[in-house]
Every structure is written in C-alpha cells, then in structure tokens.
Protein backbone atom coordinates (compact mmCIF):
# COMPACT_ATOMS: atom_id res chain seq x y z
CA MET A 1 -17.23 -17.78 -45.85
CA HIS A 2 -18.77 -20.18 -43.25
CA SER A 3 -20.92 -23.40 -43.52
CA ARG A 4 -23.82 -22.51 -41.19
CA VAL A 5 -25.37 -25.81 -40.87
CA GLU A 6 -23.95 -28.25 -38.22
CA LYS A 7 -22.09 -31.19 -39.99
CA SER A 8 -20.75 -32.98 -36.74
CA ARG A 9 -23.64 -35.12 -36.39
CA PRO A 10 -26.89 -36.34 -38.51
CA GLN A 11 -29.97 -33.70 -38.13
CA ARG A 12 -32.85 -35.23 -36.36
CA ILE A 13 -36.48 -34.37 -37.08
CA ALA A 14 -38.26 -32.47 -34.38
CA LEU A 15 -41.74 -34.01 -33.46
CA THR A 16 -43.84 -30.78 -33.94
CA ASP A 17 -47.46 -30.83 -33.06
CA GLY A 18 -48.62 -31.18 -36.84
CA ILE A 19 -46.37 -34.21 -37.12
CA ARG A 20 -47.77 -35.92 -34.03
CA ARG A 21 -51.34 -35.05 -35.22
CA ILE A 22 -50.49 -37.01 -38.40
CA PHE A 23 -49.10 -39.91 -36.54
CA PHE A 24 -52.14 -40.51 -34.34
CA ASP A 25 -54.69 -39.62 -37.24
CA LYS A 26 -53.10 -41.81 -39.88
CA ILE A 27 -50.53 -44.04 -38.71
CA TYR A 28 -50.93 -45.18 -35.23
CA PRO A 29 -53.26 -48.48 -35.50
CA GLY A 30 -54.03 -48.24 -31.86
CA THR A 31 -51.50 -50.71 -30.33
CA VAL A 32 -47.73 -50.29 -29.91
CA SER A 33 -46.64 -53.93 -30.80
CA GLU A 34 -48.57 -53.80 -34.14
CA LEU A 35 -47.18 -50.73 -35.25
CA ALA A 36 -43.71 -51.92 -34.35
CA THR A 37 -44.09 -55.21 -36.28
CA VAL A 38 -45.53 -53.55 -39.20
CA LYS A 39 -42.88 -50.77 -39.46
CA GLY A 40 -39.94 -52.91 -38.47
CA LEU A 41 -39.21 -50.66 -35.56
CA SER A 42 -38.19 -51.64 -31.84
CA TYR A 43 -40.80 -51.78 -29.41
CA ASN A 44 -39.18 -49.23 -27.03
CA LEU A 45 -38.96 -46.66 -29.76
CA VAL A 46 -42.77 -46.87 -30.80
CA TYR A 47 -43.79 -46.86 -27.09
CA ASN A 48 -41.74 -43.84 -26.11
CA LEU A 49 -43.14 -42.10 -29.42
CA VAL A 50 -46.72 -42.83 -28.46
CA HIS A 51 -46.43 -41.86 -24.92
CA GLY A 52 -44.56 -38.55 -25.67
CA ARG A 53 -41.13 -39.52 -24.24
CA ILE A 54 -39.13 -38.36 -27.19
CA HIS A 55 -39.23 -35.19 -29.09
CA SER A 56 -37.19 -36.04 -32.55
CA LEU A 57 -36.49 -38.75 -34.71
CA SER A 58 -33.81 -39.79 -37.05
CA LYS A 59 -34.49 -39.42 -40.70
CA SER A 60 -34.50 -43.06 -41.37
CA ASP A 61 -37.12 -43.57 -38.56
CA TYR A 62 -39.21 -40.87 -39.92
CA ARG A 63 -39.32 -42.76 -43.45
CA ARG A 64 -40.15 -46.02 -42.16
CA ILE A 65 -43.09 -44.79 -39.83
CA PHE A 66 -44.32 -42.11 -42.29
CA GLY A 67 -43.33 -43.51 -45.63
CA ASP A 68 -42.14 -40.15 -46.77
CA GLU A 69 -39.51 -38.02 -46.94
CA PRO A 70 -38.88 -35.70 -43.59
CA PRO A 71 -40.01 -32.08 -44.05
CA TYR A 72 -37.29 -29.54 -44.03
CA GLN A 73 -36.44 -27.95 -40.53
CA VAL A 74 -34.32 -25.25 -39.42
CA PRO A 75 -31.45 -26.93 -37.67
CA LYS A 76 -31.42 -26.33 -33.95
CA ARG A 77 -27.75 -26.09 -33.87
CA VAL A 78 -25.30 -24.56 -36.37
CA ASP A 79 -21.39 -24.97 -36.99
CA GLY A 80 -19.88 -22.59 -34.66
CA ALA A 81 -16.96 -21.40 -36.94
CA LEU A 82 -18.70 -18.11 -37.87
CA PHE A 83 -19.67 -17.47 -34.04
CA ARG A 84 -15.82 -17.97 -32.98
CA ASP A 85 -14.69 -15.50 -35.44
CA MET A 86 -17.26 -12.88 -34.59
CA VAL A 87 -16.15 -13.44 -30.86
CA ARG A 88 -12.56 -13.29 -31.90
CA LEU A 89 -13.01 -10.11 -33.61
CA TRP A 90 -15.34 -8.40 -30.91
CA LEU A 91 -12.57 -9.30 -28.13
CA PHE A 92 -9.75 -7.75 -30.50
CA LEU A 93 -11.91 -4.41 -30.94
CA ASN A 94 -12.93 -4.44 -27.13
CA ASP A 95 -9.87 -4.82 -24.95
CA ASP A 96 -11.91 -4.75 -21.83
CA VAL A 97 -14.34 -7.46 -22.88
CA THR A 98 -13.72 -11.04 -21.96
CA GLU A 99 -15.22 -14.41 -23.11
CA SER A 100 -16.85 -14.59 -19.48
CA ASP A 101 -18.51 -11.32 -20.21
CA LEU A 102 -19.89 -12.26 -23.41
CA TYR A 103 -21.27 -15.55 -21.96
CA GLU A 104 -22.85 -13.87 -19.04
CA GLU A 105 -24.57 -11.79 -21.76
CA PHE A 106 -25.38 -14.73 -23.66
CA TYR A 107 -27.19 -16.45 -20.72
CA LYS A 108 -28.63 -13.37 -18.90
CA GLY A 109 -31.44 -13.95 -16.48
CA LYS A 110 -30.49 -17.87 -16.59
CA LYS A 111 -28.80 -19.65 -14.06
CA PHE A 112 -25.65 -21.32 -14.76
CA LYS A 113 -22.91 -22.79 -12.44
CA ARG A 114 -19.69 -21.81 -14.59
CA VAL A 115 -18.86 -20.53 -18.00
CA ASP A 116 -18.44 -23.25 -20.67
CA TYR A 117 -15.29 -21.95 -22.41
CA ARG A 118 -15.67 -24.92 -24.79
CA ILE A 119 -17.95 -23.14 -27.27
CA PHE A 120 -15.40 -20.35 -27.70
CA SER A 121 -12.39 -22.94 -27.87
CA GLY A 122 -14.21 -24.97 -30.64
CA GLU A 123 -14.15 -28.18 -28.60
CA ILE A 124 -17.99 -27.93 -28.89
CA ARG A 125 -18.22 -27.53 -32.60
CA SER A 126 -21.89 -26.71 -32.82
CA ILE A 127 -23.74 -23.96 -31.32
CA ASP A 128 -27.27 -22.56 -30.63
CA PRO A 129 -28.09 -20.34 -33.82
CA ARG A 130 -29.35 -17.72 -31.26
CA LEU A 131 -25.64 -17.05 -29.95
CA GLU A 132 -24.72 -16.43 -33.67
CA ARG A 133 -27.46 -13.84 -34.04
CA ILE A 134 -26.54 -12.29 -30.80
CA MET A 135 -23.19 -11.58 -32.07
CA GLU A 136 -23.96 -10.59 -35.53
CA GLN A 137 -26.35 -8.17 -33.95
CA LYS A 138 -23.82 -6.55 -31.93
CA PHE A 139 -21.87 -5.65 -35.05
CA LEU A 140 -24.76 -4.36 -36.49
CA ASP A 141 -25.54 -2.20 -33.92
CA HIS A 142 -22.08 -0.63 -34.53
CA GLY A 143 -22.72 -0.17 -37.98
CA PHE A 144 -20.79 -3.44 -39.30
CA GLY A 145 -22.92 -5.18 -41.86
CA ARG A 146 -22.28 -8.66 -43.18
CA SER A 147 -19.58 -7.64 -45.76
CA GLU A 148 -17.78 -5.19 -43.13
CA LEU A 149 -17.76 -8.29 -40.83
CA GLU A 150 -16.29 -10.97 -43.16
CA LYS A 151 -13.55 -8.37 -44.21
CA GLY A 152 -12.52 -7.31 -40.46
CA ILE A 153 -12.60 -11.35 -39.70
CA ARG A 154 -10.18 -11.59 -43.00
CA VAL A 155 -8.04 -8.76 -41.92
CA LEU A 156 -7.65 -10.35 -38.31
CA ASP A 157 -6.61 -13.52 -39.95
CA ARG A 158 -3.97 -11.76 -42.00
CA MET A 159 -2.50 -10.29 -38.96
CA GLY A 160 -1.48 -13.72 -38.04
CA GLU A 161 -0.79 -15.07 -34.46
CA GLU A 162 0.17 -12.69 -31.67
CA GLU A 163 3.32 -13.14 -29.96
CA ARG A 164 3.35 -16.35 -28.02
CA VAL A 165 5.25 -17.91 -25.11
CA ASP A 166 5.96 -21.49 -24.31
CA TYR A 167 3.42 -23.31 -21.83
CA GLU A 168 6.50 -24.30 -19.80
CA GLU A 169 7.39 -20.65 -19.18
CA ILE A 170 4.04 -19.94 -17.48
CA ARG A 171 3.45 -23.23 -15.93
CA PRO A 172 5.56 -22.16 -12.53
CA VAL A 173 3.63 -18.92 -12.45
CA LEU A 174 0.43 -20.91 -12.39
CA ASP A 175 1.36 -23.44 -10.22
CA TYR A 176 2.25 -20.47 -7.50
CA LEU A 177 -1.17 -18.84 -8.30
CA ALA A 178 -2.97 -21.85 -7.68
CA ASP A 179 -1.06 -22.74 -4.56
CA THR A 180 -1.33 -19.32 -3.08
CA LEU A 181 -4.63 -17.92 -4.18
CA ASP A 182 -6.36 -21.39 -4.91
CA VAL A 183 -6.95 -20.13 -8.69
CA ASN A 184 -7.88 -22.42 -11.21
CA PRO A 185 -5.41 -22.08 -13.92
CA SER A 186 -7.92 -22.20 -16.76
CA ARG A 187 -9.19 -18.74 -15.19
CA ILE A 188 -5.69 -17.29 -16.06
CA LEU A 189 -5.22 -19.06 -19.29
CA LYS A 190 -9.00 -18.35 -20.57
CA GLN A 191 -8.67 -21.90 -21.85
CA TRP A 192 -8.95 -25.30 -20.19
CA SER A 193 -5.86 -25.98 -18.67
CA PHE A 194 -6.09 -29.62 -19.55
CA ARG A 195 -5.83 -28.75 -23.37
CA TYR A 196 -2.03 -27.45 -22.47
CA GLU A 197 -1.33 -30.28 -20.03
CA SER A 198 -2.27 -32.92 -22.59
CA GLY A 199 0.09 -31.30 -25.34
CA GLU A 200 -2.91 -30.29 -27.41
CA LEU A 201 -1.92 -26.44 -26.92
CA ARG A 202 1.79 -25.68 -26.45
CA THR A 203 1.78 -22.04 -26.27
CA VAL A 204 -0.06 -19.11 -24.75
CA PRO A 205 -0.26 -15.37 -25.89
CA GLU A 206 2.17 -12.89 -24.66
CA LYS A 207 -0.43 -10.72 -23.27
CA ILE A 208 -1.87 -13.60 -21.04
CA TYR A 209 1.70 -14.40 -19.85
CA ALA A 210 2.49 -10.55 -18.84
CA CYS A 211 -0.84 -10.61 -17.04
CA ALA A 212 0.02 -13.93 -14.84
CA LEU A 213 3.41 -12.21 -14.18
CA GLU A 214 1.61 -9.32 -12.94
CA LEU A 215 -0.62 -11.30 -10.96
CA LYS A 216 2.10 -13.22 -9.51
CA LYS A 217 3.91 -9.79 -8.39
CA ARG A 218 0.84 -8.58 -6.71
CA THR A 219 0.25 -11.84 -5.11
CA GLU A 220 3.71 -11.74 -3.57
CA GLU A 221 3.20 -8.25 -2.24
CA ALA A 222 -0.15 -9.51 -0.38
CA VAL A 223 1.77 -12.38 1.09
CA ILE A 224 4.58 -9.94 2.19
CA SER A 225 1.88 -7.79 3.87
CA GLY A 226 0.33 -10.37 5.73
CA SER A 227 -3.21 -9.26 4.59
CA ARG A 228 -5.69 -12.17 4.34
CA PHE A 229 -8.12 -9.58 2.73
CA ALA A 230 -5.55 -8.43 -0.08
CA LEU A 231 -5.01 -12.11 -1.08
CA GLU A 232 -8.77 -12.68 -1.01
CA LYS A 233 -9.33 -9.38 -3.13
CA LEU A 234 -7.02 -10.44 -5.89
CA LYS A 235 -8.88 -13.75 -6.01
CA GLU A 236 -12.23 -11.73 -6.11
CA GLU A 237 -10.65 -9.82 -8.91
CA ILE A 238 -10.41 -13.05 -11.18
CA TYR A 239 -13.50 -14.69 -10.32
CA GLY A 240 -15.78 -11.56 -9.91
CA ARG A 241 -17.72 -10.29 -6.92
CA ARG A 242 -20.94 -12.23 -5.94
CA ARG A 243 -23.80 -9.95 -5.74
CA GLY A 244 -25.26 -9.28 -2.30
CA LEU A 245 -21.96 -10.82 -0.77
CA THR A 246 -18.94 -9.31 0.84
CA LEU A 247 -15.52 -10.62 1.81
CA TYR A 248 -15.37 -11.57 5.45
CA SER A 249 -11.92 -10.56 5.50
CA GLU A 250 -12.81 -6.80 4.38
CA VAL A 251 -14.55 -6.28 7.73
CA GLU A 252 -12.16 -8.73 9.86
CA GLU A 253 -10.52 -6.13 11.78
CA GLU A 254 -13.46 -4.00 12.50
CA LEU A 255 -15.39 -6.90 13.99
CA GLU A 256 -12.50 -7.82 15.98
CA PHE A 257 -12.17 -4.18 17.09
CA LEU A 258 -15.75 -3.95 18.21
CA GLN A 259 -15.79 -7.26 20.08
CA LYS A 260 -12.29 -5.96 21.93
CA TYR A 261 -13.35 -2.46 22.56
CA ALA A 262 -17.24 -2.01 22.18
CA ARG A 263 -17.82 -5.51 23.82
CA LYS A 264 -19.97 -6.39 20.85
CA SER A 265 -20.36 -10.04 19.95
CA PRO A 266 -19.43 -11.15 16.53
CA LYS A 267 -22.52 -13.45 16.50
CA ARG A 268 -24.70 -10.46 16.56
CA TYR A 269 -23.26 -9.19 13.27
CA LEU A 270 -22.79 -12.52 11.53
CA GLY A 271 -25.79 -14.46 12.70
CA ARG A 272 -23.59 -17.40 13.43
CA SER A 273 -20.50 -18.40 15.27
CA ILE A 274 -17.27 -16.68 13.96
CA SER A 275 -15.44 -19.90 14.35
CA ALA A 276 -16.36 -21.19 10.76
CA TYR A 277 -14.96 -17.74 9.33
CA ARG A 278 -11.80 -17.78 11.21
CA LYS A 279 -11.03 -21.46 9.99
CA THR A 280 -11.75 -19.80 6.51
CA LYS A 281 -14.29 -22.62 5.80
CA LEU A 282 -16.70 -19.35 5.03
CA LYS A 283 -15.38 -16.43 3.35
CA ARG A 284 -18.11 -14.07 2.63
CA ILE A 285 -21.07 -12.53 4.44
CA ALA A 286 -24.03 -10.66 3.41
CA SER A 287 -23.42 -7.28 2.39
CA TRP A 288 -25.82 -5.65 4.55
CA ARG A 289 -24.17 -7.41 7.71
CA ALA A 290 -20.57 -5.90 6.33
CA GLN A 291 -22.35 -2.48 5.97
CA LYS A 292 -23.50 -2.65 9.68
CA ILE A 293 -20.08 -3.58 11.16
CA LYS A 294 -18.69 -0.50 9.46
CA GLU A 295 -21.26 1.78 10.36
CA ASP A 296 -21.07 0.73 14.17
CA CYS A 297 -17.32 0.84 13.88
CA ASN A 298 -17.45 4.48 12.66
CA GLU A 299 -20.20 5.42 15.38
CA PHE A 300 -17.74 3.95 18.22
CA LEU A 301 -14.84 5.64 17.09
CA ARG A 302 -16.58 9.04 16.56
CA ASN A 303 -17.28 8.84 20.38
CA ARG A 304 -14.03 7.52 21.37
CA LEU A 305 -11.43 10.03 20.04
CA ASP A 306 -9.41 9.28 23.15
CA LEU A 307 -8.09 5.89 21.64
CA PRO A 308 -4.54 5.15 20.74
CA LEU A 309 -3.93 4.81 16.89
CA TYR A 310 -2.42 1.41 17.41
CA SER A 311 -5.48 0.13 18.60
CA ILE A 312 -7.97 1.04 15.88
CA PRO A 313 -8.19 -0.70 12.38
CA LYS A 314 -5.42 0.14 10.07
CA SER A 315 -7.87 1.68 7.40
CA TYR A 316 -9.33 4.12 10.13
CA ALA A 317 -6.02 4.92 11.65
CA LYS A 318 -4.86 5.79 8.03
CA THR A 319 -7.59 8.01 7.67
CA ARG A 320 -6.92 9.96 11.10
CA LEU A 321 -3.18 10.14 10.22
CA ASP A 322 -4.13 11.70 6.88
CA GLY A 323 -6.33 14.20 8.40
CA LEU A 324 -3.63 15.20 10.86
CA PHE A 325 -0.99 15.44 8.15
CA SER A 326 -3.34 17.33 5.93
CA PHE A 327 -4.04 19.94 8.85
CA LEU A 328 -0.36 20.16 9.54
CA ARG A 329 0.38 20.89 5.75
CA GLY A 330 -2.34 23.36 5.54
CA TYR A 331 -1.51 25.19 8.78
CA LEU A 332 2.44 25.58 7.10
CA VAL A 333 1.18 26.66 3.75
CA ASP A 334 -1.14 29.41 5.44
CA LYS A 335 1.96 30.69 7.79
CA MET A 336 3.87 30.71 4.60
CA ILE A 337 1.14 32.60 2.58
CA ASP A 338 0.41 34.99 5.53
CA THR A 339 4.17 35.84 6.04
CA GLU A 340 5.25 38.63 4.12
CA ASP A 341 9.14 38.03 4.88
CA ARG A 342 9.92 34.72 3.11
CA PRO A 343 13.60 34.10 3.22
CA ASP A 344 13.40 30.54 3.40
CA GLU A 345 11.36 30.22 -0.12
CA LYS A 346 13.86 32.55 -1.80
CA THR A 347 16.70 30.50 -0.31
CA ILE A 348 15.06 27.18 -1.85
CA LEU A 349 14.77 28.73 -5.15
CA THR A 350 17.87 30.52 -5.49
CA PRO A 351 20.67 28.31 -7.34
CA TYR A 352 23.74 27.81 -5.07
CA ARG A 353 25.55 24.59 -6.30
CA TYR A 354 27.28 25.81 -9.16
CA HIS A 355 28.22 28.94 -11.03
CA LYS A 356 26.08 30.41 -13.83
CA GLU A 357 28.41 29.16 -16.58
CA GLU A 358 28.05 25.38 -15.05
CA TYR A 359 24.08 25.81 -15.56
CA GLU A 360 24.55 26.93 -19.01
CA LYS A 361 26.70 24.22 -20.55
CA GLU A 362 24.73 22.73 -23.48
CA GLU A 363 25.23 19.24 -22.12
CA TYR A 364 22.40 19.86 -19.63
CA GLY A 365 19.97 21.67 -21.62
CA TYR A 366 17.17 23.92 -21.17
CA THR A 367 13.45 23.70 -20.60
CA SER A 368 10.88 26.40 -21.57
CA VAL A 369 9.10 28.23 -19.03
CA ASP A 370 5.73 26.80 -20.61
CA THR A 371 6.89 23.15 -19.79
CA ALA A 372 9.06 23.94 -16.80
CA ALA A 373 5.73 23.22 -14.54
CA ARG A 374 5.72 19.61 -15.60
CA VAL A 375 9.29 19.08 -14.48
CA LEU A 376 8.55 20.66 -11.19
CA GLY A 377 5.44 18.65 -10.63
CA MET A 378 3.22 21.59 -10.43
CA SER A 379 0.13 22.70 -12.40
CA LYS A 380 0.51 25.31 -14.78
CA ARG A 381 -1.57 27.80 -12.84
CA ALA A 382 0.47 27.23 -9.69
CA PHE A 383 3.81 27.57 -11.65
CA ASP A 384 2.79 31.02 -13.27
CA LEU A 385 2.09 32.36 -9.77
CA LEU A 386 5.52 31.03 -8.44
CA LEU A 387 7.13 32.65 -11.53
CA CYS A 388 5.60 36.10 -11.05
CA GLU A 389 6.45 35.96 -7.44
CA HIS A 390 10.07 35.35 -7.97
CA SER A 391 10.56 36.62 -11.57
CA ASP A 392 13.89 38.15 -10.26
CA ILE A 393 15.44 34.86 -9.41
CA PHE A 394 14.03 33.05 -12.54
CA LYS A 395 15.25 35.96 -14.79
CA ARG A 396 18.82 35.72 -13.29
CA ILE A 397 19.38 32.14 -14.03
CA GLY A 398 17.18 31.76 -17.28
CA ILE A 399 18.05 32.80 -20.81
CA TYR A 400 15.81 34.56 -23.38
CA ASP A 401 15.57 33.61 -26.99
CA GLU A 402 12.08 34.84 -28.13
CA LYS A 403 10.98 33.19 -25.13
CA TRP A 404 12.34 32.36 -21.54
CA TYR A 405 14.04 29.02 -20.98
CA LEU A 406 15.46 27.54 -17.60
CA PRO A 407 18.38 25.34 -17.32
CA ASN A 408 17.50 21.72 -16.54
CA LEU A 409 20.39 21.46 -13.99
CA TYR A 410 18.86 24.03 -12.07
CA LEU A 411 15.26 22.85 -12.32
CA ARG A 412 16.65 19.30 -10.98
CA GLU A 413 18.30 21.17 -8.26
CA VAL A 414 15.38 22.91 -7.09
CA VAL A 415 13.17 19.77 -6.96
CA GLU A 416 15.71 17.89 -4.78
CA LYS A 417 15.91 20.92 -2.43
CA GLU A 418 14.53 20.55 1.17
CA GLY A 419 11.37 22.13 1.60
CA PHE A 420 10.40 22.58 -2.16
CA ASP A 421 7.34 20.37 -1.39
CA LEU A 422 5.92 23.01 0.91
CA VAL A 423 6.52 25.81 -1.78
CA ARG A 424 4.98 23.42 -4.18
CA LEU A 425 1.84 23.01 -1.74
CA LYS A 426 1.51 26.82 -1.02
CA TYR A 427 1.40 27.79 -4.75
CA GLU A 428 -1.17 25.04 -5.43
CA SER A 429 -3.23 26.36 -2.81
CA LEU A 430 -2.88 29.72 -4.19
CA ALA A 431 -3.89 28.64 -7.66
CA ARG A 432 -7.18 26.70 -6.22
CA ASN A 433 -8.03 29.83 -4.08
CA GLY A 434 -7.78 32.14 -6.78
CA LYS A 435 -5.02 34.55 -4.90
CA ILE A 436 -3.41 35.66 -8.21
CA ARG A 437 -1.03 38.48 -7.79
CA SER A 438 -0.25 40.77 -10.92
CA CYS A 439 2.71 39.66 -12.81
CA PHE A 440 5.62 41.41 -14.48
C-alpha cells in the first residue's frame, strides 16, 4: 500500500560501536592526514570521524574508508504517507480528537514549544518510525488488523473530499479573530496559514468554516458584553489551558472587590505589582493564588451580608439572586400545594379563548396524553400528577379514540397563559417529593 522506506534523501550509515571498533582496529593508521591522503577524503571529515564529532557516513564515504559495501540498517526515518493516512482515518472515526491531541500523545513527557503540523500536512515527508508504530498500535488496540486498516483507508479515500469553501470566504473571519482575540489563523485552519496565503491551498473544509463562523459569533457576543474574561476564555479554548495557571481576568473582579471593601492589597495575592496585569502584559497567575483570592472573597461576603448587590462581583451577585428567586419560587409552590381551594390553577387550565368546535378542527391536530408532557415542558411524572388532579378539565376538552388525545391549540394556549410556569413548578416539586395522589 505504501513504501515504508524514506525516498526523499539518501540513507546514511549510522556509526555504531561495532563499526567504530573496526575503524580504529583495522583502518585508522594513527594520523588524520595519512588516512585522508590514502583514502582520498577531506581532512575535516577524517578529523571529525576520529574525534567522534559525526555519527553517520554517506554510503560512498563508507565504501572509501572500509573498502566494502555498507551493512543494512533499519532506516531512522520512513516515508510518512501511511502515517498520515492512519491519522486521517483516526480523526474521521474520533470527532473529538485533533491533530494537536495526537501530537501531545506522540511526545508525552517531552518538552516542545508548539505542535509541528508539518508531519500531518506532508510538508515533512519522512517521519520517525516510532510515530507510525504508535498509530498502528492504536488501531490494533481497537481490533483493527493491518488488512482492516488498509480497507478503512481505501473506503475513506472513496468517500472523496468533503464539501469545501473558498479560502477567500473564511479570510475576513480569520482576520477578525486575529485582530480581536490575537489568535493565529493556523490554529483555526489546522494548517499553516501561509499555505493558503501562498495559493498552495485554495479551499477549507466546510466543517472548519462553520466552526470559525461560530467562534466569530461568540467573540462578537463577548465584545458586546465588555468582559475581558469572556474574550480570554475563548482564546484559552483554542490554545488550551496552561497547567497550574489561571487567567487573571477570571479573578479580576474579586481582587478589585477585596481591594475596595476588604482593604486587601493586590500585591498580597499576586506576589507582585498589579500594574503589569492591568496593562495586559501578564495574563495568568498561579492557580493556587487564584483559589486564595476566591476563598477570601467568599469568606468576606459571608461575613458582610449587608453589602448591596451592585457592589459585589457579578458571579456572586447572580448566586445571591438565584438563591432569592429559588426561595420565592419554593414559597409560592408550597403555598399552592398547601392551599385546598385553587381557583387560579383551574382558571389557568380551563380553555377560554375558543369554542370547543374550534379546538377540534383538523387543521390544528391532536397530541396524545403520552407525549403531551413534552409539549408543556414537563416531566412525564409531573404531567401525570397534573392529569390526575384536573382530569375533569382534560376529559372535557380531550377526545378518546382507544386512548386520550388533547387538542394542540389547547396545549399551546395553556403554555402561553400567565401563571402556568408556577403550576408546572408545583407539579415538578410534587413529582420529586413523591406526593402522588390517586388517579381516576
């Protein structure tokens, strides 16, 4: 299927310990100049060979020095075509995996500055055989033998190219993201951007184009919100989190709050002046420092419940409001459950806009009681309780044809009625607490 041995450049002969022993025992006369003259080699080559400064020889130099054909050696690099096909098939079968994920797996435990996408694009034609073995083992671990692997690659080839979009269509989107988020277009394209700018590539996959448009939309929303954290969070989604570090903007509000109301110095938390962070020269702090800021902010707010909502960080204000609304909803639901006479609930569920004939028109259609819960936005258990409690209303408006059906027009009317949200909450609460009444 693929030629495994690299054809892009001549193979060199690695100078193993055995070859070096033969050289010093049988070939080297004791002086560099003498050997260079006898063998017709450059002085520098022989000098570097003698002093261990080179680790391989060309085949022609090997023949001159040793007077024999070079031994066969397993090539240190192989043609990357099979490797790239295996990567392509793996990414097709695993939507949540990226080339960046695979690269990190290949060099796990080793330090590297950035992902070298050239091994995936084919710009570097030969690769370390170890990478090919890793990819083949991944397929073997999932029950793909060599024959199944080759068949999968052929099928993928026959599927043809996915729908593609002209690069000029995505270019304004990339420019916007580069200007707003400071994101390198290569990260979005999953290819070196110069290949598109130079005209080597002219189209991008439709999936990449759709993702870029979605990212642009989210970026515009973040810009409108005015949140620095929202923008930096988007950038972090693209480049990935840095282990042990947290975005400064994530705790910026809390830090300013502690400085203003708790009289705490930012330097106490940051370990340095805050000016570099405000000028965005520094964008991250140690995660343990961020955690300390959040803990102190929580502690201070627990002891100062008198502070007005507008003065506390937005996330904490939202938590307080959510708690307050949850309490009010719970209170109203409890009142509805404990009250025997419920005229408002009956009023909400009683049809009133149209005559019965209007509800029964075929153009509106019907929904069975088995699926009506989904239309009303309720769980099945909660709707069953509602159905039992107000069976008289549902029987008057519904029709029976081997099972009960409710008019779609009526269901839409109920959902739109003011107060139905509270009715829904009440029966969801009853369903969760197990307070089930007998049904007809």
